[in-house]
Amino acid sequence: MTLVSAPPGFGKTTLIQDWIAGIDRRAAWLTLDEGDNDPGRFIRYLIAALSQADERLGRALPDLAPAAPLKSC
């Protein structure tokens, strides 16, 4: 896991996109903001991100939080 934290406009997205493009692995991307300070929402978003890297993960992970709509970024 890699955590990148910086103010808006400092190139976080560009840095991570370039890094992911240079590795020969699947990657999951999870962007968080202040509104995501809820454990249930965090788990749902984490599972959704991991499912993008490997769809088997989404099927294998239990439903750890009540269902609620995910907001699209």
C-alpha atoms as a PDB file:
ATOM      1  CA  MET A   1       0.000   0.000   0.000  1.00  0.00           C
ATOM      2  CA  THR A   2       1.203   3.472  -0.838  1.00  0.00           C
ATOM      3  CA  LEU A   3      -0.248   6.630   0.656  1.00  0.00           C
ATOM      4  CA  VAL A   4       0.192   9.892  -1.201  1.00  0.00           C
ATOM      5  CA  SER A   5      -0.919  13.037   0.575  1.00  0.00           C
ATOM      6  CA  ALA A   6      -0.503  16.611  -0.647  1.00  0.00           C
ATOM      7  CA  PRO A   7      -2.631  19.685  -1.273  1.00  0.00           C
ATOM      8  CA  PRO A   8      -4.644  19.986  -4.488  1.00  0.00           C
ATOM      9  CA  GLY A   9      -2.606  20.742  -7.587  1.00  0.00           C
ATOM     10  CA  PHE A  10       0.675  19.174  -6.450  1.00  0.00           C
ATOM     11  CA  GLY A  11       0.652  16.344  -9.042  1.00  0.00           C
ATOM     12  CA  LYS A  12      -0.478  13.373  -6.942  1.00  0.00           C
ATOM     13  CA  THR A  13      -2.593  11.880  -9.724  1.00  0.00           C
ATOM     14  CA  THR A  14       0.109  12.340 -12.356  1.00  0.00           C
ATOM     15  CA  LEU A  15       2.742  10.814 -10.085  1.00  0.00           C
ATOM     16  CA  ILE A  16       0.668   7.719  -9.301  1.00  0.00           C
ATOM     17  CA  GLN A  17      -0.505   7.241 -12.907  1.00  0.00           C
ATOM     18  CA  ASP A  18       3.098   7.359 -14.139  1.00  0.00           C
ATOM     19  CA  TRP A  19       4.216   4.965 -11.429  1.00  0.00           C
ATOM     20  CA  ILE A  20       1.420   2.456 -12.149  1.00  0.00           C
ATOM     21  CA  ALA A  21       2.189   2.603 -15.874  1.00  0.00           C
ATOM     22  CA  GLY A  22       5.804   1.635 -15.136  1.00  0.00           C
ATOM     23  CA  ILE A  23       5.111  -1.482 -13.070  1.00  0.00           C
ATOM     24  CA  ASP A  24       4.039  -4.878 -14.303  1.00  0.00           C
ATOM     25  CA  ARG A  25       1.293  -5.443 -11.726  1.00  0.00           C
ATOM     26  CA  ARG A  26      -2.358  -4.786 -11.305  1.00  0.00           C
ATOM     27  CA  ALA A  27      -3.166  -1.773  -9.185  1.00  0.00           C
ATOM     28  CA  ALA A  28      -6.104  -0.487  -7.198  1.00  0.00           C
ATOM     29  CA  TRP A  29      -6.719   3.214  -6.730  1.00  0.00           C
ATOM     30  CA  LEU A  30      -8.671   4.667  -3.837  1.00  0.00           C
ATOM     31  CA  THR A  31      -9.059   8.400  -3.430  1.00  0.00           C
ATOM     32  CA  LEU A  32     -10.346   9.618  -0.088  1.00  0.00           C
ATOM     33  CA  ASP A  33     -11.514  12.975   1.148  1.00  0.00           C
ATOM     34  CA  GLU A  34     -12.938  14.338   4.389  1.00  0.00           C
ATOM     35  CA  GLY A  35     -16.402  12.938   3.596  1.00  0.00           C
ATOM     36  CA  ASP A  36     -15.019   9.393   3.606  1.00  0.00           C
ATOM     37  CA  ASN A  37     -14.311   9.368   7.347  1.00  0.00           C
ATOM     38  CA  ASP A  38     -16.847   6.608   7.907  1.00  0.00           C
ATOM     39  CA  PRO A  39     -15.647   3.011   8.429  1.00  0.00           C
ATOM     40  CA  GLY A  40     -18.537   1.457   6.477  1.00  0.00           C
ATOM     41  CA  ARG A  41     -18.062   3.765   3.505  1.00  0.00           C
ATOM     42  CA  PHE A  42     -14.283   3.241   3.595  1.00  0.00           C
ATOM     43  CA  ILE A  43     -14.674  -0.565   3.480  1.00  0.00           C
ATOM     44  CA  ARG A  44     -17.161  -0.372   0.581  1.00  0.00           C
ATOM     45  CA  TYR A  45     -14.861   1.956  -1.357  1.00  0.00           C
ATOM     46  CA  LEU A  46     -11.817  -0.212  -0.607  1.00  0.00           C
ATOM     47  CA  ILE A  47     -13.600  -3.349  -1.852  1.00  0.00           C
ATOM     48  CA  ALA A  48     -14.735  -1.504  -4.987  1.00  0.00           C
ATOM     49  CA  ALA A  49     -11.164  -0.313  -5.667  1.00  0.00           C
ATOM     50  CA  LEU A  50      -9.676  -3.767  -5.100  1.00  0.00           C
ATOM     51  CA  SER A  51     -12.318  -5.247  -7.400  1.00  0.00           C
ATOM     52  CA  GLN A  52     -11.003  -3.024 -10.177  1.00  0.00           C
ATOM     53  CA  ALA A  53      -7.571  -4.631  -9.780  1.00  0.00           C
ATOM     54  CA  ASP A  54      -8.959  -8.169  -9.517  1.00  0.00           C
ATOM     55  CA  GLU A  55     -12.680  -8.916  -9.785  1.00  0.00           C
ATOM     56  CA  ARG A  56     -12.230 -12.075  -7.699  1.00  0.00           C
ATOM     57  CA  LEU A  57     -11.456  -9.910  -4.664  1.00  0.00           C
ATOM     58  CA  GLY A  58     -14.848  -8.244  -4.768  1.00  0.00           C
ATOM     59  CA  ARG A  59     -16.568 -11.626  -4.859  1.00  0.00           C
ATOM     60  CA  ALA A  60     -14.317 -13.135  -2.180  1.00  0.00           C
ATOM     61  CA  LEU A  61     -14.574 -10.340   0.385  1.00  0.00           C
ATOM     62  CA  PRO A  62     -17.571 -10.472   2.697  1.00  0.00           C
ATOM     63  CA  ASP A  63     -20.073  -7.657   2.844  1.00  0.00           C
ATOM     64  CA  LEU A  64     -18.540  -5.821   5.789  1.00  0.00           C
ATOM     65  CA  ALA A  65     -20.826  -2.812   5.820  1.00  0.00           C
ATOM     66  CA  PRO A  66     -24.490  -2.080   5.129  1.00  0.00           C
ATOM     67  CA  ALA A  67     -25.247  -1.422   1.496  1.00  0.00           C
ATOM     68  CA  ALA A  68     -25.370   2.222   0.494  1.00  0.00           C
ATOM     69  CA  PRO A  69     -24.817   3.898  -2.837  1.00  0.00           C
ATOM     70  CA  LEU A  70     -21.236   4.768  -3.699  1.00  0.00           C
ATOM     71  CA  LYS A  71     -20.628   8.267  -4.935  1.00  0.00           C
ATOM     72  CA  SER A  72     -18.871   8.545  -8.254  1.00  0.00           C
ATOM     73  CA  CYS A  73     -15.839  10.779  -8.549  1.00  0.00           C
END
